[in-house]
Amino acid sequence: MFDVFVEQSRLMLTGIIITFVSTLIYKVTPTGFKSAGKYRSKEQAVVIYLAAAVILGLFTPLIYELSKLVIAYVPIVSIVGVFVVSANFIINQSVPMWRHTTPKTLLIYGVGFLLMVLGLLLFTWKIS
């Protein structure tokens, strides 16, 4: 089971990175499509969406290779922490009414960062 997680974690990390970057490029809200902080027309939205899909698609093999390096050199506990923090960020970016500074959100960020640090501490302790 653990081996399957490690094997597939490269794909998961690649997907999270792609999703994270796409949330920085554009955001779909109940009232429209935002990119670069401005609402866009339907035509602009289609162009931005397609351009993002093509560009991120072209960069996916590079991001996958980067993910392989991260998985090889970063402890799995730290990677889970990165998954938690990234997922929390992406979800909070996606839902317009949710804030990054609520107590629950900050607790989730804290758990994610704690996992990152714990993984690195365990890794350095293991090396010593």
N, C-alpha and C. Protein backbone atom coordinates (compact mmCIF):
# COMPACT_ATOMS: atom_id res chain seq x y z
N MET A 1 0.83 -1.20 0.00
CA MET A 1 0.00 0.00 0.00
C MET A 1 0.87 1.26 0.00
N PHE A 2 1.87 1.28 0.89
CA PHE A 2 2.77 2.43 0.98
C PHE A 2 3.54 2.61 -0.32
N ASP A 3 3.97 1.50 -0.93
CA ASP A 3 4.71 1.57 -2.19
C ASP A 3 3.87 2.18 -3.30
N VAL A 4 2.58 1.85 -3.32
CA VAL A 4 1.68 2.41 -4.32
C VAL A 4 1.57 3.92 -4.13
N PHE A 5 1.47 4.36 -2.86
CA PHE A 5 1.39 5.79 -2.58
C PHE A 5 2.66 6.50 -3.07
N VAL A 6 3.81 5.94 -2.76
CA VAL A 6 5.07 6.55 -3.19
C VAL A 6 5.16 6.57 -4.71
N GLU A 7 4.76 5.48 -5.35
CA GLU A 7 4.80 5.39 -6.81
C GLU A 7 3.89 6.44 -7.46
N GLN A 8 2.68 6.58 -6.93
CA GLN A 8 1.71 7.51 -7.52
C GLN A 8 1.88 8.94 -7.02
N SER A 9 2.70 9.15 -6.01
CA SER A 9 2.87 10.49 -5.45
C SER A 9 3.47 11.46 -6.47
N ARG A 10 4.24 10.96 -7.41
CA ARG A 10 4.77 11.85 -8.46
C ARG A 10 3.65 12.44 -9.29
N LEU A 11 2.68 11.59 -9.63
CA LEU A 11 1.54 12.08 -10.39
C LEU A 11 0.69 13.04 -9.55
N MET A 12 0.50 12.70 -8.27
CA MET A 12 -0.29 13.57 -7.41
C MET A 12 0.38 14.93 -7.24
N LEU A 13 1.68 14.93 -7.02
CA LEU A 13 2.40 16.19 -6.86
C LEU A 13 2.35 17.01 -8.15
N THR A 14 2.49 16.36 -9.28
CA THR A 14 2.38 17.05 -10.57
C THR A 14 1.00 17.68 -10.71
N GLY A 15 -0.05 16.94 -10.38
CA GLY A 15 -1.41 17.46 -10.47
C GLY A 15 -1.63 18.64 -9.54
N ILE A 16 -1.10 18.56 -8.33
CA ILE A 16 -1.26 19.67 -7.38
C ILE A 16 -0.53 20.91 -7.88
N ILE A 17 0.65 20.74 -8.42
CA ILE A 17 1.40 21.90 -8.93
C ILE A 17 0.65 22.54 -10.09
N ILE A 18 0.15 21.73 -11.01
CA ILE A 18 -0.61 22.26 -12.16
C ILE A 18 -1.86 22.99 -11.68
N THR A 19 -2.57 22.40 -10.73
CA THR A 19 -3.78 23.04 -10.19
C THR A 19 -3.43 24.35 -9.50
N PHE A 20 -2.36 24.34 -8.72
CA PHE A 20 -1.92 25.54 -8.02
C PHE A 20 -1.61 26.67 -9.01
N VAL A 21 -0.86 26.35 -10.04
CA VAL A 21 -0.51 27.38 -11.04
C VAL A 21 -1.76 27.88 -11.76
N SER A 22 -2.68 26.98 -12.07
CA SER A 22 -3.90 27.42 -12.77
C SER A 22 -4.73 28.36 -11.90
N THR A 23 -4.74 28.15 -10.57
CA THR A 23 -5.48 29.07 -9.70
C THR A 23 -4.84 30.45 -9.67
N LEU A 24 -3.56 30.52 -9.96
CA LEU A 24 -2.88 31.82 -10.03
C LEU A 24 -3.19 32.53 -11.35
N ILE A 25 -3.46 31.76 -12.40
CA ILE A 25 -3.71 32.34 -13.72
C ILE A 25 -5.15 32.83 -13.85
N TYR A 26 -6.11 32.03 -13.40
CA TYR A 26 -7.51 32.42 -13.55
C TYR A 26 -8.33 31.86 -12.40
N LYS A 27 -9.52 32.44 -12.25
CA LYS A 27 -10.44 32.01 -11.21
C LYS A 27 -11.86 32.11 -11.75
N VAL A 28 -12.63 31.05 -11.57
CA VAL A 28 -14.02 31.04 -11.98
C VAL A 28 -14.86 31.34 -10.74
N THR A 29 -15.69 32.36 -10.83
CA THR A 29 -16.54 32.75 -9.71
C THR A 29 -18.00 32.62 -10.14
N PRO A 30 -18.93 32.70 -9.20
CA PRO A 30 -20.34 32.64 -9.59
C PRO A 30 -20.77 33.79 -10.50
N THR A 31 -20.01 34.88 -10.47
CA THR A 31 -20.39 36.04 -11.28
C THR A 31 -19.57 36.19 -12.55
N GLY A 32 -18.57 35.34 -12.76
CA GLY A 32 -17.78 35.47 -13.97
C GLY A 32 -16.42 34.81 -13.89
N PHE A 33 -15.57 35.20 -14.80
CA PHE A 33 -14.23 34.64 -14.98
C PHE A 33 -13.23 35.74 -14.70
N LYS A 34 -12.33 35.54 -13.74
CA LYS A 34 -11.34 36.56 -13.39
C LYS A 34 -9.94 36.08 -13.77
N SER A 35 -9.19 36.99 -14.34
CA SER A 35 -7.78 36.74 -14.62
C SER A 35 -7.04 38.06 -14.43
N ALA A 36 -5.90 38.00 -13.78
CA ALA A 36 -5.10 39.19 -13.47
C ALA A 36 -5.94 40.23 -12.70
N GLY A 37 -6.83 39.72 -11.84
CA GLY A 37 -7.62 40.60 -10.99
C GLY A 37 -8.79 41.30 -11.66
N LYS A 38 -9.03 41.01 -12.94
CA LYS A 38 -10.13 41.66 -13.66
C LYS A 38 -11.11 40.62 -14.18
N TYR A 39 -12.39 41.01 -14.20
CA TYR A 39 -13.38 40.15 -14.84
C TYR A 39 -13.16 40.20 -16.35
N ARG A 40 -13.31 39.05 -16.99
CA ARG A 40 -13.07 38.95 -18.44
C ARG A 40 -14.37 38.58 -19.16
N SER A 41 -14.41 38.94 -20.45
CA SER A 41 -15.56 38.57 -21.27
C SER A 41 -15.49 37.07 -21.57
N LYS A 42 -16.56 36.54 -22.14
CA LYS A 42 -16.59 35.12 -22.48
C LYS A 42 -15.49 34.77 -23.48
N GLU A 43 -15.30 35.65 -24.44
CA GLU A 43 -14.27 35.39 -25.46
C GLU A 43 -12.88 35.38 -24.83
N GLN A 44 -12.62 36.37 -23.98
CA GLN A 44 -11.32 36.42 -23.31
C GLN A 44 -11.13 35.21 -22.40
N ALA A 45 -12.20 34.81 -21.73
CA ALA A 45 -12.12 33.65 -20.83
C ALA A 45 -11.73 32.39 -21.59
N VAL A 46 -12.31 32.20 -22.75
CA VAL A 46 -11.99 31.01 -23.55
C VAL A 46 -10.52 31.04 -23.98
N VAL A 47 -10.04 32.19 -24.43
CA VAL A 47 -8.65 32.32 -24.86
C VAL A 47 -7.70 32.08 -23.68
N ILE A 48 -7.99 32.69 -22.55
CA ILE A 48 -7.13 32.51 -21.37
C ILE A 48 -7.12 31.06 -20.91
N TYR A 49 -8.30 30.45 -20.87
CA TYR A 49 -8.40 29.05 -20.44
C TYR A 49 -7.62 28.13 -21.38
N LEU A 50 -7.82 28.30 -22.69
CA LEU A 50 -7.11 27.46 -23.66
C LEU A 50 -5.60 27.69 -23.63
N ALA A 51 -5.19 28.95 -23.51
CA ALA A 51 -3.76 29.25 -23.43
C ALA A 51 -3.15 28.62 -22.18
N ALA A 52 -3.85 28.72 -21.06
CA ALA A 52 -3.35 28.11 -19.82
C ALA A 52 -3.25 26.59 -19.97
N ALA A 53 -4.26 25.98 -20.60
CA ALA A 53 -4.25 24.53 -20.80
C ALA A 53 -3.08 24.10 -21.68
N VAL A 54 -2.85 24.84 -22.76
CA VAL A 54 -1.75 24.49 -23.67
C VAL A 54 -0.39 24.69 -22.99
N ILE A 55 -0.21 25.84 -22.35
CA ILE A 55 1.08 26.13 -21.71
C ILE A 55 1.36 25.16 -20.57
N LEU A 56 0.35 24.94 -19.71
CA LEU A 56 0.56 23.99 -18.61
C LEU A 56 0.73 22.57 -19.14
N GLY A 57 0.05 22.24 -20.22
CA GLY A 57 0.25 20.93 -20.84
C GLY A 57 1.67 20.75 -21.35
N LEU A 58 2.23 21.79 -21.93
CA LEU A 58 3.61 21.72 -22.41
C LEU A 58 4.61 21.60 -21.26
N PHE A 59 4.29 22.21 -20.12
CA PHE A 59 5.19 22.17 -18.98
C PHE A 59 4.99 20.95 -18.09
N THR A 60 3.94 20.17 -18.32
CA THR A 60 3.66 19.02 -17.47
C THR A 60 4.81 18.01 -17.42
N PRO A 61 5.44 17.64 -18.54
CA PRO A 61 6.57 16.70 -18.43
C PRO A 61 7.72 17.26 -17.57
N LEU A 62 7.98 18.55 -17.68
CA LEU A 62 9.02 19.17 -16.86
C LEU A 62 8.63 19.13 -15.38
N ILE A 63 7.39 19.45 -15.09
CA ILE A 63 6.89 19.43 -13.71
C ILE A 63 6.91 18.00 -13.17
N TYR A 64 6.60 17.02 -14.01
CA TYR A 64 6.65 15.62 -13.59
C TYR A 64 8.07 15.22 -13.20
N GLU A 65 9.05 15.64 -13.99
CA GLU A 65 10.45 15.33 -13.67
C GLU A 65 10.87 16.03 -12.37
N LEU A 66 10.42 17.26 -12.19
CA LEU A 66 10.68 17.98 -10.94
C LEU A 66 10.05 17.23 -9.77
N SER A 67 8.83 16.72 -9.97
CA SER A 67 8.15 15.96 -8.93
C SER A 67 8.94 14.69 -8.58
N LYS A 68 9.51 14.03 -9.59
CA LYS A 68 10.32 12.85 -9.33
C LYS A 68 11.51 13.19 -8.44
N LEU A 69 12.15 14.32 -8.70
CA LEU A 69 13.28 14.74 -7.88
C LEU A 69 12.85 15.05 -6.45
N VAL A 70 11.72 15.74 -6.32
CA VAL A 70 11.21 16.07 -4.98
C VAL A 70 10.92 14.80 -4.21
N ILE A 71 10.24 13.85 -4.85
CA ILE A 71 9.89 12.59 -4.18
C ILE A 71 11.15 11.84 -3.77
N ALA A 72 12.18 11.90 -4.59
CA ALA A 72 13.42 11.17 -4.29
C ALA A 72 14.19 11.78 -3.13
N TYR A 73 14.12 13.09 -2.95
CA TYR A 73 14.98 13.76 -1.97
C TYR A 73 14.27 14.37 -0.77
N VAL A 74 12.95 14.42 -0.79
CA VAL A 74 12.21 15.02 0.32
C VAL A 74 11.45 13.92 1.05
N PRO A 75 11.48 13.92 2.38
CA PRO A 75 10.78 12.88 3.15
C PRO A 75 9.28 12.87 2.85
N ILE A 76 8.69 11.69 2.87
CA ILE A 76 7.28 11.53 2.51
C ILE A 76 6.37 12.30 3.46
N VAL A 77 6.73 12.40 4.74
CA VAL A 77 5.91 13.15 5.69
C VAL A 77 5.87 14.63 5.29
N SER A 78 6.99 15.17 4.84
CA SER A 78 7.03 16.55 4.38
C SER A 78 6.20 16.74 3.11
N ILE A 79 6.22 15.76 2.25
CA ILE A 79 5.43 15.84 1.01
C ILE A 79 3.94 15.84 1.34
N VAL A 80 3.53 15.02 2.32
CA VAL A 80 2.12 15.03 2.74
C VAL A 80 1.77 16.41 3.28
N GLY A 81 2.69 17.03 4.02
CA GLY A 81 2.47 18.39 4.51
C GLY A 81 2.29 19.38 3.36
N VAL A 82 3.08 19.23 2.32
CA VAL A 82 2.94 20.09 1.14
C VAL A 82 1.58 19.85 0.48
N PHE A 83 1.15 18.59 0.41
CA PHE A 83 -0.17 18.28 -0.15
C PHE A 83 -1.27 18.99 0.66
N VAL A 84 -1.19 18.93 1.99
CA VAL A 84 -2.20 19.54 2.86
C VAL A 84 -2.24 21.05 2.66
N VAL A 85 -1.08 21.69 2.70
CA VAL A 85 -1.02 23.15 2.54
C VAL A 85 -1.50 23.55 1.14
N SER A 86 -1.06 22.84 0.12
CA SER A 86 -1.46 23.16 -1.25
C SER A 86 -2.96 22.99 -1.46
N ALA A 87 -3.50 21.89 -0.96
CA ALA A 87 -4.94 21.65 -1.12
C ALA A 87 -5.74 22.72 -0.39
N ASN A 88 -5.31 23.10 0.80
CA ASN A 88 -6.00 24.14 1.56
C ASN A 88 -5.96 25.47 0.81
N PHE A 89 -4.81 25.80 0.25
CA PHE A 89 -4.68 27.05 -0.50
C PHE A 89 -5.59 27.04 -1.73
N ILE A 90 -5.54 25.96 -2.48
CA ILE A 90 -6.32 25.86 -3.72
C ILE A 90 -7.82 25.94 -3.42
N ILE A 91 -8.26 25.24 -2.39
CA ILE A 91 -9.68 25.27 -2.04
C ILE A 91 -10.10 26.66 -1.60
N ASN A 92 -9.28 27.31 -0.76
CA ASN A 92 -9.63 28.65 -0.30
C ASN A 92 -9.60 29.67 -1.43
N GLN A 93 -8.76 29.46 -2.42
CA GLN A 93 -8.74 30.34 -3.59
C GLN A 93 -9.97 30.11 -4.47
N SER A 94 -10.46 28.89 -4.50
CA SER A 94 -11.56 28.53 -5.39
C SER A 94 -12.92 28.99 -4.90
N VAL A 95 -13.10 29.07 -3.59
CA VAL A 95 -14.39 29.46 -3.03
C VAL A 95 -14.32 30.92 -2.61
N PRO A 96 -15.05 31.79 -3.31
CA PRO A 96 -14.91 33.24 -3.09
C PRO A 96 -15.14 33.71 -1.65
N MET A 97 -16.04 33.10 -0.93
CA MET A 97 -16.37 33.56 0.41
C MET A 97 -15.42 33.02 1.49
N TRP A 98 -14.58 32.08 1.16
CA TRP A 98 -13.68 31.49 2.15
C TRP A 98 -12.41 32.33 2.24
N ARG A 99 -11.92 32.50 3.44
CA ARG A 99 -10.74 33.31 3.69
C ARG A 99 -9.58 32.42 4.16
N HIS A 100 -8.38 32.89 3.92
CA HIS A 100 -7.18 32.16 4.34
C HIS A 100 -6.87 32.38 5.81
N THR A 101 -7.59 33.27 6.48
CA THR A 101 -7.23 33.65 7.84
C THR A 101 -8.23 33.22 8.90
N THR A 102 -9.17 32.34 8.56
CA THR A 102 -10.10 31.84 9.58
C THR A 102 -9.35 30.86 10.49
N PRO A 103 -9.81 30.67 11.72
CA PRO A 103 -9.11 29.75 12.63
C PRO A 103 -8.97 28.33 12.07
N LYS A 104 -10.02 27.80 11.44
CA LYS A 104 -9.94 26.44 10.89
C LYS A 104 -8.91 26.36 9.77
N THR A 105 -8.92 27.37 8.92
CA THR A 105 -7.97 27.39 7.80
C THR A 105 -6.54 27.49 8.31
N LEU A 106 -6.33 28.37 9.29
CA LEU A 106 -4.99 28.52 9.86
C LEU A 106 -4.54 27.24 10.56
N LEU A 107 -5.48 26.53 11.19
CA LEU A 107 -5.15 25.25 11.81
C LEU A 107 -4.70 24.23 10.77
N ILE A 108 -5.40 24.19 9.63
CA ILE A 108 -5.01 23.27 8.56
C ILE A 108 -3.64 23.64 8.01
N TYR A 109 -3.40 24.94 7.79
CA TYR A 109 -2.07 25.37 7.36
C TYR A 109 -1.01 24.96 8.39
N GLY A 110 -1.33 25.15 9.66
CA GLY A 110 -0.39 24.79 10.72
C GLY A 110 -0.05 23.31 10.73
N VAL A 111 -1.06 22.46 10.57
CA VAL A 111 -0.83 21.02 10.51
C VAL A 111 0.06 20.68 9.32
N GLY A 112 -0.22 21.29 8.18
CA GLY A 112 0.59 21.04 6.99
C GLY A 112 2.04 21.46 7.19
N PHE A 113 2.24 22.65 7.73
CA PHE A 113 3.61 23.11 7.98
C PHE A 113 4.30 22.26 9.05
N LEU A 114 3.54 21.82 10.06
CA LEU A 114 4.10 20.94 11.08
C LEU A 114 4.58 19.63 10.46
N LEU A 115 3.79 19.07 9.55
CA LEU A 115 4.20 17.85 8.86
C LEU A 115 5.46 18.08 8.02
N MET A 116 5.53 19.23 7.36
CA MET A 116 6.73 19.53 6.57
C MET A 116 7.97 19.56 7.45
N VAL A 117 7.87 20.27 8.57
CA VAL A 117 9.02 20.40 9.47
C VAL A 117 9.34 19.05 10.12
N LEU A 118 8.31 18.32 10.54
CA LEU A 118 8.51 17.01 11.16
C LEU A 118 9.24 16.06 10.21
N GLY A 119 8.84 16.05 8.96
CA GLY A 119 9.51 15.20 7.98
C GLY A 119 10.98 15.56 7.82
N LEU A 120 11.26 16.84 7.77
CA LEU A 120 12.66 17.28 7.64
C LEU A 120 13.46 16.96 8.89
N LEU A 121 12.85 17.13 10.07
CA LEU A 121 13.56 16.80 11.32
C LEU A 121 13.84 15.31 11.41
N LEU A 122 12.86 14.49 11.05
CA LEU A 122 13.07 13.04 11.06
C LEU A 122 14.15 12.64 10.06
N PHE A 123 14.16 13.30 8.92
CA PHE A 123 15.16 13.02 7.89
C PHE A 123 16.56 13.39 8.37
N THR A 124 16.71 14.57 8.98
CA THR A 124 18.04 14.97 9.45
C THR A 124 18.46 14.13 10.65
N TRP A 125 17.51 13.71 11.50
CA TRP A 125 17.83 12.85 12.62
C TRP A 125 18.30 11.48 12.13
N LYS A 126 17.67 10.99 11.07
CA LYS A 126 18.01 9.70 10.48
C LYS A 126 19.43 9.73 9.90
N ILE A 127 19.81 10.87 9.30
CA ILE A 127 21.13 11.01 8.69
C ILE A 127 22.22 11.07 9.77
N SER A 128 21.92 11.73 10.87
CA SER A 128 22.94 11.91 11.93
C SER A 128 23.38 10.64 12.57
